[in-house]
Each structure stands twice: as C-alpha cells, then as structure tokens.
Amino acid sequence: MLYRFNKNLAQLTGGGDCRIIAAVSGGPDSVCMLHLLCRSIPKENLVIAHVNFNLRGEDSDADEAFVRDLAREMGVEAYFKSVDTLSYAGVHSISVEMAARDLRYAWFGELRSRLGFDYVAVAHNANDNAETLLLNLCRGTGLKGVCGMSMVDCRGILRPLLPFSRSEIEKYIESNGLPYRIDKTNASNDFSRNRIRNRVIEELRRINPSVISTLNEDIGRFRQAYLLLEGLVERCRLKSLVSPEIYFDRLKDESKAFPIIHALSESFMVAAVDIASLTATEKEACGYLLHDMLSEYGFNPAQCSDMAFNLEKAGIKKIGSSDFVAIKERGYIKIYRTAVADDILPAEVGKPLPGKSVEINYGELRLRFEILRNECCRGEGRGDGVLFVSADNLSFPLQLRAACPGERFSPFGLKGSKKLSDYYTDMKIDNAVRGRIPLLVTKKSPGAIVALPGLQVSEQFKVTGESAFLLKITLL
C-alpha cells in the first residue's frame, strides 16, 4: 500500500517538496493517512490539524486527547480547533453534517493560508466516494454530482486515500498495529450517509461483491465524460451568453428608444442569452445548456427546462430566483437583478424659473426641465433624449410617476389613444424595465399625460406655431 500511496501522492503533488496539513480525526482512515504521510514526506513538511466539533461529549474530548498523544508519538506538530457545531447549525439553519463540514473546511483554509502550506490532506477513501455518488443520485444531481470527489481541488484539498478501499485501510492499520478511535455515531442510521453505508452498500454487495470498485470505475468514466462535455458547453457559452455591453451595442440600431432602455437597464442587467445561437445546437440539450449558463444566478434545473420548452413559442416567458429574474423576449433571455421590479416613488416637478433649470432624479434617470421662449428653439429640433412640449397651458407642479395598469396615451401624431403597454411593445422596450419608465403628468384630475421623458410627447401638449413657451425635457 505504501508504494501505491507514494506513487499517487507524487502524481497529485507533482513530486515536489510539498508541505501538507493532515486533517486527523483519530479514526482509522485519518490515522492510516497520517502514518503513510510520515513515511512519504519529511516530518518538517507535515503538520496535524484536528477539529473538536463538541457533538459527542466526553468522546469528542477523548478524540482530541488521542490526537494530541498521537502527534507527540509521531513527532509531528499539531494544531487544534474547538467549535460549537450545534449553535452554528442553528444560526445558519443547516444540518449538523453541513455545519461540521463548513466549520472544518473554513478552518483548514485559514490554517493553510496562515502557515503557507501547499495542501490539506483529508482521509476520504473509495468507499466514501461510492457513498457520495449514491447519496447525490438519491438527492438529485447534475453530471457534476456523479463525478464523485476530486483527488485534489482548487481549495488545496488533497485526497491521497481516494483510490483505496476501507478494507485495504483496515488491513494496513492491523498489519502496522496502529491505534485509532471509533466514532460510535457511524453505527447509527440517523444520518443519510450512514444509511447508505450501513444498509444500501451492504444490499448492493449481494448483487455485486465488488460494488465499491465498480462504482469508483463508473465515477472515473463519468468524470471523463463530464470534462469532454464541459468543453462543448463552454464553446456554446461563448457563442450564446453575451454581456450587457454586447447586448446594448446590438440594440443600439434596433430601437428608437435605445437611450432610455439603456439608462433604465444598465444598472440591473447582468447577462443575456442569444436564443438563435442557443437553439442552433440540439434542441433537446437546450435545458442543460441553459442551466449551465443560468445556475450561477440561482435558477434551478426545472426552471431552465421550462424556459427551454418555451424558447420558440410566442410571447414572454419569465422565471425568477431569490436575487435575479430572467425574461425571454425578442430573441434573448435577459437576466436582471430582482431590484429591477422595485417601485419608484412619484416625484414632483416644480416650475423652472426664467433662465434656470430644475433637475429631478427618478430611479436611475436624471431629468432636466427648462422653460424657453418658442423662438429660442427654432432650428434646435428634437434630439435623442430631448423633448419639447408646449408650456402655455401647463399647470405646475407636474408629477413624475409610473404607469397604471391599462393606462392609455396619445403619442405625437396620433389622434386617438393606445395602451401604454402597446406603445412600449411598438418601441421594443424590454418588459423588465417598463415599470421604471416615468410618465410626466398634470397633477390636476384626471392627471393627463404630458410626455414620456426620453421617449415621446403627448399629442395634447405638442408644440405648435402658436406656442409662446416650451418646456424642454432632457434625459441626462
């Protein structure tokens, strides 16, 4: 076993003069790993780390005392940490198992950084790997979940015993006469992993006596397939997932309302998926691809499959997570922070003094209002983000507010009226930001719409040759 362990360790660490923290609980697996490490690398390159989780009363303290004695006998420096696992689990509303895991790895990471060591070695073995596979399958998992544990990961966690079965470890312990501690809770079936270990694995051995090695071989194949698939998925991401900057650059020539769409969306949009590029791949794979792209924003597999099912259907499709919302419309799935739906309080617009201007913040927008004589604006025209309305019959103060459901508007040049929602559709305004578009309205009942700043003036308040004064509205 020592030869195989050394060979495996050299492959994992590059065979250099690495420095390793050995996570030792006192159980047979960690004692075996520590003994093998002591025979494989210089002791000055090795330290022990032990966490007392305070879950088993005197037994937890006895484990710590055992590891202290073991460290002295082996001549290896040791570090110890005592944590209140139950309190941590309660505060964070997680299971005791998860709390112990979080506390353990957090301290390992801190210790590794403080000491400047290369790796933290943990004693997971082939049986643990097989149990993890079965546990993930029972709970529901993507492809990554069937790849088992990694031999070494980005946190510097090293698993040098992963190729070895529990029976091999027990034989090594016995042949070398190594003392160890028994965790009595391992025999209890109160925990999910213990039920897998004590019941499910034993039943599977009746079907296949070599089930542990078979499942680990399967894990190896799953991992290889996953790595190949990740390369394909990454190429799809590069084609389909675009940044807000790219999305807005494409939109610039497609919508007359681009300035205000950009101003309203810029603070909230985090990414967009190009549907045409996505559906150029196998349609049945779109749900998987979408989940790969959207999972980092909290969207689950069922939501992504539902979105994929609706990709080529007409109409808008919307899914939400705790922090983000994704909306399918006009050829893209656009991902926004949920704050995009927050209400904006109305703002009052007082009458600007002659030669002065009034500037008002409304959500993400900043608007400037000025009163000008009509002749002053001859030849100035209408530019992007600038509107002129007749000020002759305006009664100040005016108000900036959001649209009400079903509200109608008479845009410049239209004798009748249309629903604001229809006007927004005509202007290709993203659904997510429609509620953030300000209406400039008169405060006197019934509150006529004067203009949509940054977009359009009302036919009722348009500038004519008879207008003596104008209200200039500028989107800054």
Protein backbone atom coordinates (compact mmCIF):
# COMPACT_ATOMS: atom_id res chain seq x y z
CA MET A 1 0.00 0.00 0.00
CA LEU A 2 2.89 2.35 0.77
CA TYR A 3 4.24 2.07 -2.79
CA ARG A 4 0.83 2.85 -4.34
CA PHE A 5 0.30 5.70 -1.87
CA ASN A 6 3.67 7.27 -2.69
CA LYS A 7 3.04 6.95 -6.41
CA ASN A 8 -0.41 8.52 -6.07
CA LEU A 9 0.90 11.33 -3.86
CA ALA A 10 3.68 12.15 -6.32
CA GLN A 11 1.19 12.33 -9.21
CA LEU A 12 -1.15 14.61 -7.24
CA THR A 13 1.51 17.00 -5.94
CA GLY A 14 3.90 16.93 -8.89
CA GLY A 15 6.51 15.05 -6.88
CA GLY A 16 7.97 18.24 -5.42
CA ASP A 17 8.95 19.09 -1.86
CA CYS A 18 5.37 19.93 -0.84
CA ARG A 19 4.12 20.89 2.63
CA ILE A 20 0.95 19.17 3.84
CA ILE A 21 -1.53 19.68 6.67
CA ALA A 22 -3.01 16.28 7.64
CA ALA A 23 -6.62 16.50 8.87
CA VAL A 24 -6.70 13.85 11.60
CA SER A 25 -9.91 12.96 13.43
CA GLY A 26 -8.43 9.97 15.23
CA GLY A 27 -10.43 7.41 13.24
CA PRO A 28 -8.76 4.56 11.30
CA ASP A 29 -8.78 6.34 7.94
CA SER A 30 -7.04 9.51 9.14
CA VAL A 31 -4.58 7.56 11.31
CA CYS A 32 -3.68 5.41 8.29
CA MET A 33 -3.20 8.53 6.14
CA LEU A 34 -1.02 10.22 8.75
CA HIS A 35 1.18 7.11 9.11
CA LEU A 36 1.63 6.88 5.35
CA LEU A 37 2.43 10.60 5.07
CA CYS A 38 5.05 10.27 7.80
CA ARG A 39 6.71 7.57 5.70
CA SER A 40 6.41 9.55 2.45
CA ILE A 41 7.49 13.14 3.18
CA PRO A 42 9.84 14.81 5.69
CA LYS A 43 8.14 15.45 9.04
CA GLU A 44 9.16 19.11 8.92
CA ASN A 45 6.85 19.37 5.88
CA LEU A 46 3.91 17.88 7.77
CA VAL A 47 1.57 19.19 10.50
CA ILE A 48 -1.63 17.79 12.00
CA ALA A 49 -4.98 19.63 12.21
CA HIS A 50 -7.80 18.37 14.45
CA VAL A 51 -11.28 19.85 14.94
CA ASN A 52 -13.29 19.14 18.08
CA PHE A 53 -16.92 19.52 17.00
CA ASN A 54 -18.24 19.08 20.58
CA LEU A 55 -21.01 16.79 19.36
CA ARG A 56 -20.30 13.65 21.39
CA GLY A 57 -19.48 14.98 24.86
CA GLU A 58 -16.60 13.14 26.52
CA ASP A 59 -15.96 11.13 23.36
CA SER A 60 -15.17 14.31 21.42
CA ASP A 61 -12.68 15.39 24.09
CA ALA A 62 -11.18 11.89 24.15
CA ASP A 63 -10.66 12.06 20.38
CA GLU A 64 -8.77 15.34 20.78
CA ALA A 65 -6.62 13.89 23.59
CA PHE A 66 -5.87 10.84 21.43
CA VAL A 67 -4.70 13.03 18.51
CA ARG A 68 -2.50 15.09 20.87
CA ASP A 69 -0.82 11.90 22.08
CA LEU A 70 -0.51 10.60 18.52
CA ALA A 71 1.18 13.82 17.38
CA ARG A 72 3.71 13.60 20.20
CA GLU A 73 4.46 9.93 19.46
CA MET A 74 5.00 10.61 15.75
CA GLY A 75 6.93 13.82 16.35
CA VAL A 76 4.59 15.95 14.22
CA GLU A 77 3.47 19.47 15.15
CA ALA A 78 -0.30 19.72 15.68
CA TYR A 79 -2.99 22.43 15.67
CA PHE A 80 -6.39 22.13 17.36
CA LYS A 81 -9.71 23.94 16.96
CA SER A 82 -12.82 23.66 19.16
CA VAL A 83 -16.16 24.74 17.61
CA ASP A 84 -19.81 24.90 18.68
CA THR A 85 -21.29 22.96 15.78
CA LEU A 86 -24.88 22.86 17.07
CA SER A 87 -25.04 26.65 17.53
CA TYR A 88 -23.58 27.23 14.08
CA ALA A 89 -26.14 24.86 12.53
CA GLY A 90 -28.97 26.67 14.31
CA VAL A 91 -27.83 30.16 13.35
CA HIS A 92 -27.41 29.20 9.69
CA SER A 93 -30.45 26.87 9.51
CA ILE A 94 -28.45 23.96 8.13
CA SER A 95 -27.95 20.33 9.14
CA VAL A 96 -25.35 19.35 11.73
CA GLU A 97 -23.47 17.46 8.99
CA MET A 98 -23.31 20.56 6.80
CA ALA A 99 -22.34 22.77 9.74
CA ALA A 100 -19.43 20.47 10.64
CA ARG A 101 -18.30 20.46 7.02
CA ASP A 102 -18.42 24.27 6.75
CA LEU A 103 -16.55 24.79 10.02
CA ARG A 104 -13.93 22.16 9.22
CA TYR A 105 -13.04 23.39 5.75
CA ALA A 106 -13.15 27.07 6.74
CA TRP A 107 -10.55 26.46 9.44
CA PHE A 108 -8.44 24.25 7.18
CA GLY A 109 -8.34 27.06 4.63
CA GLU A 110 -7.37 29.65 7.26
CA LEU A 111 -4.64 27.38 8.67
CA ARG A 112 -3.23 26.58 5.25
CA SER A 113 -3.06 30.28 4.38
CA ARG A 114 -1.50 31.24 7.72
CA LEU A 115 1.17 28.52 7.60
CA GLY A 116 1.85 28.89 3.89
CA PHE A 117 1.37 25.16 3.25
CA ASP A 118 0.52 23.64 -0.12
CA TYR A 119 -2.26 21.18 0.71
CA VAL A 120 -4.70 19.99 3.34
CA ALA A 121 -4.91 16.18 3.18
CA VAL A 122 -8.22 14.57 4.17
CA ALA A 123 -8.77 10.83 4.52
CA HIS A 124 -11.67 10.18 2.14
CA ASN A 125 -11.44 6.71 0.59
CA ALA A 126 -13.04 4.73 -2.22
CA ASN A 127 -15.99 3.72 -0.03
CA ASP A 128 -16.66 7.38 0.79
CA ASN A 129 -16.57 8.15 -2.93
CA ALA A 130 -19.10 5.42 -3.75
CA GLU A 131 -21.36 6.58 -0.92
CA THR A 132 -21.19 10.16 -2.20
CA LEU A 133 -22.24 9.02 -5.68
CA LEU A 134 -25.27 7.15 -4.32
CA LEU A 135 -26.19 9.99 -1.97
CA ASN A 136 -26.08 12.54 -4.80
CA LEU A 137 -28.19 10.33 -7.05
CA CYS A 138 -30.81 9.99 -4.31
CA ARG A 139 -30.95 13.72 -3.65
CA GLY A 140 -30.95 14.68 -7.33
CA THR A 141 -27.86 15.80 -9.15
CA GLY A 142 -26.43 17.06 -12.40
CA LEU A 143 -23.50 15.43 -14.12
CA LYS A 144 -21.05 17.02 -11.73
CA GLY A 145 -22.68 15.20 -8.83
CA VAL A 146 -21.95 11.77 -10.32
CA CYS A 147 -18.27 12.60 -10.75
CA GLY A 148 -17.62 11.92 -7.08
CA MET A 149 -14.85 13.58 -5.11
CA SER A 150 -11.80 15.06 -6.76
CA MET A 151 -8.32 13.84 -5.80
CA VAL A 152 -7.22 17.46 -5.41
CA ASP A 153 -9.30 20.62 -5.77
CA CYS A 154 -8.90 24.37 -6.13
CA ARG A 155 -9.02 24.87 -2.35
CA GLY A 156 -5.87 22.80 -1.97
CA ILE A 157 -7.81 19.84 -0.51
CA LEU A 158 -5.86 16.64 -1.19
CA ARG A 159 -7.37 13.14 -1.00
CA PRO A 160 -4.45 10.71 -1.22
CA LEU A 161 -6.50 7.72 0.07
CA LEU A 162 -9.25 8.04 -2.53
CA PRO A 163 -8.04 5.05 -4.63
CA PHE A 164 -8.01 2.77 -1.55
CA SER A 165 -10.99 0.87 -0.14
CA ARG A 166 -11.90 0.82 3.52
CA SER A 167 -10.90 -2.87 3.73
CA GLU A 168 -7.39 -2.03 2.44
CA ILE A 169 -7.07 0.69 5.05
CA GLU A 170 -8.20 -1.66 7.83
CA LYS A 171 -5.61 -4.24 6.74
CA TYR A 172 -2.86 -1.59 6.79
CA ILE A 173 -3.92 -0.46 10.28
CA GLU A 174 -3.89 -4.04 11.55
CA SER A 175 -0.58 -5.02 9.96
CA ASN A 176 1.15 -1.95 11.44
CA GLY A 177 -0.53 -2.21 14.83
CA LEU A 178 -1.81 1.36 14.70
CA PRO A 179 -4.16 2.61 17.45
CA TYR A 180 -7.29 4.56 16.48
CA ARG A 181 -10.59 5.85 17.82
CA ILE A 182 -14.05 4.58 16.92
CA ASP A 183 -16.85 7.10 16.29
CA LYS A 184 -19.90 5.32 17.70
CA THR A 185 -22.24 7.52 15.67
CA ASN A 186 -21.04 5.76 12.50
CA ALA A 187 -23.19 2.79 13.52
CA SER A 188 -26.27 4.99 13.86
CA ASN A 189 -28.62 5.33 10.90
CA ASP A 190 -29.83 8.78 11.92
CA PHE A 191 -27.68 10.34 9.19
CA SER A 192 -28.26 9.85 5.45
CA ARG A 193 -24.67 8.85 4.70
CA ASN A 194 -24.74 6.22 7.45
CA ARG A 195 -27.89 4.67 5.98
CA ILE A 196 -26.17 4.50 2.60
CA ARG A 197 -23.07 2.96 4.20
CA ASN A 198 -24.73 0.53 6.57
CA ARG A 199 -27.74 -0.57 4.55
CA VAL A 200 -27.61 0.30 0.86
CA ILE A 201 -23.98 -0.66 0.19
CA GLU A 202 -24.47 -3.97 2.00
CA GLU A 203 -27.51 -4.76 -0.15
CA LEU A 204 -25.63 -3.83 -3.32
CA ARG A 205 -22.80 -6.17 -2.34
CA ARG A 206 -25.28 -9.03 -2.64
CA ILE A 207 -25.68 -8.12 -6.30
CA ASN A 208 -22.02 -7.29 -6.91
CA PRO A 209 -19.41 -8.17 -4.24
CA SER A 210 -17.03 -5.68 -5.92
CA VAL A 211 -19.58 -2.84 -5.91
CA ILE A 212 -17.16 -0.31 -4.36
CA SER A 213 -14.53 -0.73 -7.07
CA THR A 214 -17.26 -0.88 -9.76
CA LEU A 215 -18.84 2.38 -8.61
CA ASN A 216 -15.42 4.07 -8.46
CA GLU A 217 -14.69 2.91 -12.01
CA ASP A 218 -18.05 4.38 -13.05
CA ILE A 219 -17.12 7.64 -11.31
CA GLY A 220 -13.92 7.75 -13.35
CA ARG A 221 -15.86 7.33 -16.59
CA PHE A 222 -18.44 9.91 -15.54
CA ARG A 223 -15.64 12.37 -14.79
CA GLN A 224 -14.05 11.85 -18.21
CA ALA A 225 -17.41 12.34 -19.95
CA TYR A 226 -18.08 15.44 -17.85
CA LEU A 227 -14.76 17.01 -18.82
CA LEU A 228 -15.47 16.39 -22.52
CA LEU A 229 -18.97 17.82 -22.18
CA GLU A 230 -17.68 20.88 -20.32
CA GLY A 231 -15.54 21.75 -23.33
CA LEU A 232 -18.59 21.62 -25.62
CA VAL A 233 -20.68 23.62 -23.14
CA GLU A 234 -18.01 26.28 -22.81
CA ARG A 235 -17.99 26.78 -26.60
CA CYS A 236 -21.77 27.17 -26.51
CA ARG A 237 -21.48 29.69 -23.65
CA LEU A 238 -19.03 31.78 -25.63
CA LYS A 239 -21.47 31.92 -28.57
CA SER A 240 -24.74 32.34 -26.70
CA LEU A 241 -24.10 34.15 -23.42
CA VAL A 242 -23.42 37.82 -24.02
CA SER A 243 -22.53 40.65 -21.68
CA PRO A 244 -24.83 43.67 -21.20
CA GLU A 245 -22.33 45.75 -23.20
CA ILE A 246 -22.65 43.46 -26.23
CA TYR A 247 -26.43 43.30 -25.88
CA PHE A 248 -26.77 47.10 -25.75
CA ASP A 249 -24.38 47.51 -28.68
CA ARG A 250 -26.62 45.21 -30.76
CA LEU A 251 -29.77 47.02 -29.60
CA LYS A 252 -28.44 50.46 -30.48
CA ASP A 253 -29.57 50.30 -34.12
CA GLU A 254 -32.73 48.25 -33.50
CA SER A 255 -34.78 50.52 -31.22
CA LYS A 256 -35.57 54.22 -31.36
CA ALA A 257 -35.96 54.07 -27.59
CA PHE A 258 -32.38 52.89 -27.05
CA PRO A 259 -31.22 55.83 -24.85
CA ILE A 260 -33.89 55.30 -22.22
CA ILE A 261 -33.76 51.47 -22.44
CA HIS A 262 -30.03 51.64 -21.85
CA ALA A 263 -30.39 54.11 -18.98
CA LEU A 264 -33.06 52.01 -17.27
CA SER A 265 -31.45 48.60 -17.82
CA GLU A 266 -27.76 49.30 -17.33
CA SER A 267 -27.86 49.10 -13.52
CA PHE A 268 -29.83 45.84 -13.45
CA MET A 269 -28.93 43.65 -16.43
CA VAL A 270 -26.18 41.12 -15.74
CA ALA A 271 -26.22 38.99 -18.92
CA ALA A 272 -28.29 37.94 -21.92
CA VAL A 273 -28.65 34.66 -23.81
CA ASP A 274 -28.88 34.84 -27.61
CA ILE A 275 -31.72 32.40 -28.36
CA ALA A 276 -30.86 31.94 -32.05
CA SER A 277 -27.33 30.90 -31.16
CA LEU A 278 -28.56 28.63 -28.38
CA THR A 279 -31.13 26.80 -30.50
CA ALA A 280 -28.58 26.20 -33.26
CA THR A 281 -27.46 23.26 -31.08
CA GLU A 282 -29.55 20.16 -30.38
CA LYS A 283 -32.92 21.39 -29.09
CA GLU A 284 -33.17 18.62 -26.51
CA ALA A 285 -29.92 19.86 -24.96
CA CYS A 286 -31.11 23.45 -24.52
CA GLY A 287 -32.37 22.84 -20.98
CA TYR A 288 -28.96 21.51 -19.91
CA LEU A 289 -27.14 24.35 -21.63
CA LEU A 290 -29.44 26.95 -20.10
CA HIS A 291 -28.94 25.51 -16.64
CA ASP A 292 -25.19 25.66 -17.11
CA MET A 293 -25.50 29.33 -18.03
CA LEU A 294 -28.15 30.34 -15.50
CA SER A 295 -27.41 28.20 -12.44
CA GLU A 296 -24.93 30.76 -11.11
CA TYR A 297 -27.88 33.17 -10.84
CA GLY A 298 -29.90 30.73 -8.72
CA PHE A 299 -32.17 29.23 -11.39
CA ASN A 300 -32.85 25.52 -10.87
CA PRO A 301 -32.93 22.74 -13.50
CA ALA A 302 -36.75 22.63 -13.63
CA GLN A 303 -36.95 26.38 -14.35
CA CYS A 304 -34.31 26.12 -17.07
CA SER A 305 -36.08 23.14 -18.69
CA ASP A 306 -39.34 25.10 -18.64
CA MET A 307 -37.62 28.08 -20.25
CA ALA A 308 -36.07 25.80 -22.90
CA PHE A 309 -39.51 24.32 -23.67
CA ASN A 310 -40.82 27.84 -24.35
CA LEU A 311 -37.86 29.15 -26.36
CA GLU A 312 -39.56 29.03 -29.76
CA LYS A 313 -43.04 29.85 -28.54
CA ALA A 314 -44.55 33.30 -28.99
CA GLY A 315 -44.91 35.61 -26.03
CA ILE A 316 -42.88 36.39 -22.96
CA LYS A 317 -41.56 33.76 -20.55
CA LYS A 318 -40.33 34.72 -17.10
CA ILE A 319 -38.55 32.79 -14.33
CA GLY A 320 -37.24 34.08 -11.03
CA SER A 321 -34.73 33.21 -8.33
CA SER A 322 -34.10 34.90 -4.99
CA ASP A 323 -31.81 37.56 -6.49
CA PHE A 324 -32.44 37.50 -10.26
CA VAL A 325 -35.18 37.37 -12.86
CA ALA A 326 -34.79 36.02 -16.41
CA ILE A 327 -37.18 37.14 -19.15
CA LYS A 328 -37.44 35.69 -22.65
CA GLU A 329 -38.48 38.25 -25.27
CA ARG A 330 -37.42 39.48 -28.69
CA GLY A 331 -34.72 36.90 -29.32
CA TYR A 332 -32.99 36.99 -25.93
CA ILE A 333 -33.27 35.69 -22.40
CA LYS A 334 -32.30 38.72 -20.37
CA ILE A 335 -31.13 38.31 -16.77
CA TYR A 336 -31.74 41.17 -14.36
CA ARG A 337 -31.32 41.72 -10.65
CA THR A 338 -34.71 41.45 -8.94
CA ALA A 339 -34.41 45.08 -7.82
CA VAL A 340 -35.47 45.99 -11.38
CA ALA A 341 -39.07 45.39 -10.20
CA ASP A 342 -38.82 47.69 -7.17
CA ASP A 343 -41.36 50.51 -7.05
CA ILE A 344 -40.22 54.09 -7.59
CA LEU A 345 -41.83 56.84 -5.56
CA PRO A 346 -43.50 59.66 -7.53
CA ALA A 347 -41.52 62.91 -7.82
CA GLU A 348 -42.83 66.46 -8.08
CA VAL A 349 -41.59 68.81 -10.80
CA GLY A 350 -41.81 72.48 -9.88
CA LYS A 351 -41.92 75.29 -12.44
CA PRO A 352 -38.40 76.30 -13.55
CA LEU A 353 -37.53 79.98 -13.08
CA PRO A 354 -36.59 82.02 -16.19
CA GLY A 355 -33.06 81.18 -17.26
CA LYS A 356 -32.90 78.38 -14.69
CA SER A 357 -33.47 74.65 -14.84
CA VAL A 358 -34.86 72.02 -12.50
CA GLU A 359 -33.15 68.65 -12.25
CA ILE A 360 -35.01 65.65 -10.84
CA ASN A 361 -33.88 62.08 -10.06
CA TYR A 362 -36.38 59.36 -10.90
CA GLY A 363 -35.00 55.89 -10.24
CA GLU A 364 -31.90 55.52 -12.40
CA LEU A 365 -32.82 58.55 -14.54
CA ARG A 366 -31.86 62.17 -14.10
CA LEU A 367 -34.05 64.64 -15.95
CA ARG A 368 -33.65 68.36 -16.58
CA PHE A 369 -36.60 70.72 -17.11
CA GLU A 370 -36.31 74.24 -18.59
CA ILE A 371 -38.83 76.87 -19.73
CA LEU A 372 -37.83 78.52 -23.04
CA ARG A 373 -39.40 81.02 -25.41
CA ASN A 374 -40.51 79.37 -28.62
CA GLU A 375 -38.27 81.45 -30.88
CA CYS A 376 -35.25 80.42 -28.86
CA CYS A 377 -35.66 76.88 -30.04
CA ARG A 378 -36.09 77.43 -33.73
CA GLY A 379 -33.83 75.04 -35.59
CA GLU A 380 -32.93 73.15 -32.43
CA GLY A 381 -35.36 70.31 -33.23
CA ARG A 382 -35.68 67.06 -31.31
CA GLY A 383 -32.61 65.04 -30.46
CA ASP A 384 -32.02 61.76 -28.65
CA GLY A 385 -33.17 62.18 -25.08
CA VAL A 386 -34.59 65.71 -25.66
CA LEU A 387 -38.30 66.56 -25.91
CA PHE A 388 -40.21 69.83 -26.21
CA VAL A 389 -43.80 70.31 -25.09
CA SER A 390 -45.96 73.39 -25.17
CA ALA A 391 -45.83 75.08 -21.77
CA ASP A 392 -48.61 77.60 -22.39
CA ASN A 393 -51.35 75.55 -20.75
CA LEU A 394 -49.26 73.59 -18.25
CA SER A 395 -50.21 73.94 -14.60
CA PHE A 396 -47.24 73.37 -12.29
CA PRO A 397 -46.22 71.48 -10.29
CA LEU A 398 -46.19 68.43 -12.55
CA GLN A 399 -45.53 64.89 -11.39
CA LEU A 400 -43.31 62.02 -12.45
CA ARG A 401 -44.84 58.61 -11.73
CA ALA A 402 -45.09 55.03 -13.01
CA ALA A 403 -47.86 53.94 -15.36
CA CYS A 404 -51.06 52.39 -14.01
CA PRO A 405 -52.38 49.09 -15.41
CA GLY A 406 -54.35 49.65 -18.62
CA GLU A 407 -53.39 53.34 -18.83
CA ARG A 408 -53.64 54.93 -22.27
CA PHE A 409 -51.53 57.53 -24.06
CA SER A 410 -51.90 59.72 -27.17
CA PRO A 411 -48.42 59.90 -28.69
CA PHE A 412 -47.45 62.76 -31.00
CA GLY A 413 -49.20 62.48 -34.37
CA LEU A 414 -51.92 60.08 -33.20
CA LYS A 415 -55.45 61.47 -33.00
CA GLY A 416 -56.73 58.64 -30.83
CA SER A 417 -55.03 56.83 -27.99
CA LYS A 418 -53.42 53.47 -27.37
CA LYS A 419 -52.49 51.43 -24.33
CA LEU A 420 -49.09 52.28 -22.94
CA SER A 421 -48.25 48.57 -23.00
CA ASP A 422 -48.90 48.51 -26.75
CA TYR A 423 -46.82 51.64 -27.26
CA TYR A 424 -43.94 50.07 -25.29
CA THR A 425 -44.19 46.97 -27.48
CA ASP A 426 -44.07 49.11 -30.64
CA MET A 427 -40.97 50.83 -29.26
CA LYS A 428 -39.35 47.46 -28.41
CA ILE A 429 -38.93 48.37 -24.76
CA ASP A 430 -37.83 45.49 -22.54
CA ASN A 431 -40.59 44.12 -20.37
CA ALA A 432 -38.49 44.21 -17.20
CA VAL A 433 -38.00 47.99 -17.23
CA ARG A 434 -41.43 49.17 -18.34
CA GLY A 435 -42.45 49.81 -14.74
CA ARG A 436 -39.47 52.16 -14.35
CA ILE A 437 -40.42 54.44 -17.25
CA PRO A 438 -41.59 57.82 -15.87
CA LEU A 439 -44.80 59.50 -17.01
CA LEU A 440 -44.82 63.29 -16.77
CA VAL A 441 -48.41 64.10 -15.81
CA THR A 442 -50.51 67.06 -14.68
CA LYS A 443 -51.48 66.81 -11.02
CA LYS A 444 -54.99 68.13 -11.61
CA SER A 445 -57.55 65.35 -12.06
CA PRO A 446 -57.71 63.30 -14.20
CA GLY A 447 -53.92 63.73 -14.49
CA ALA A 448 -53.29 63.96 -18.24
CA ILE A 449 -50.03 62.55 -19.59
CA VAL A 450 -47.82 65.39 -20.82
CA ALA A 451 -44.92 63.29 -22.06
CA LEU A 452 -42.88 60.16 -21.57
CA PRO A 453 -39.46 61.75 -20.87
CA GLY A 454 -36.81 60.36 -23.16
CA LEU A 455 -39.46 58.85 -25.46
CA GLN A 456 -42.38 60.90 -26.74
CA VAL A 457 -44.62 63.92 -26.15
CA SER A 458 -48.38 63.77 -25.91
CA GLU A 459 -50.41 64.94 -28.89
CA GLN A 460 -52.38 67.12 -26.47
CA PHE A 461 -49.26 69.04 -25.43
CA LYS A 462 -47.34 69.16 -28.70
CA VAL A 463 -45.56 72.33 -29.81
CA THR A 464 -47.38 74.36 -32.44
CA GLY A 465 -46.67 77.65 -34.22
CA GLU A 466 -48.87 79.35 -31.64
CA SER A 467 -46.90 78.07 -28.65
CA ALA A 468 -45.27 81.01 -26.86
CA PHE A 469 -43.32 78.97 -24.29
CA LEU A 470 -41.84 75.49 -24.34
CA LEU A 471 -40.89 73.03 -21.66
CA LYS A 472 -37.62 71.38 -22.63
CA ILE A 473 -37.17 67.91 -21.11
CA THR A 474 -33.68 66.45 -21.28
CA LEU A 475 -32.65 62.92 -20.34
CA LEU A 476 -29.19 63.45 -18.85
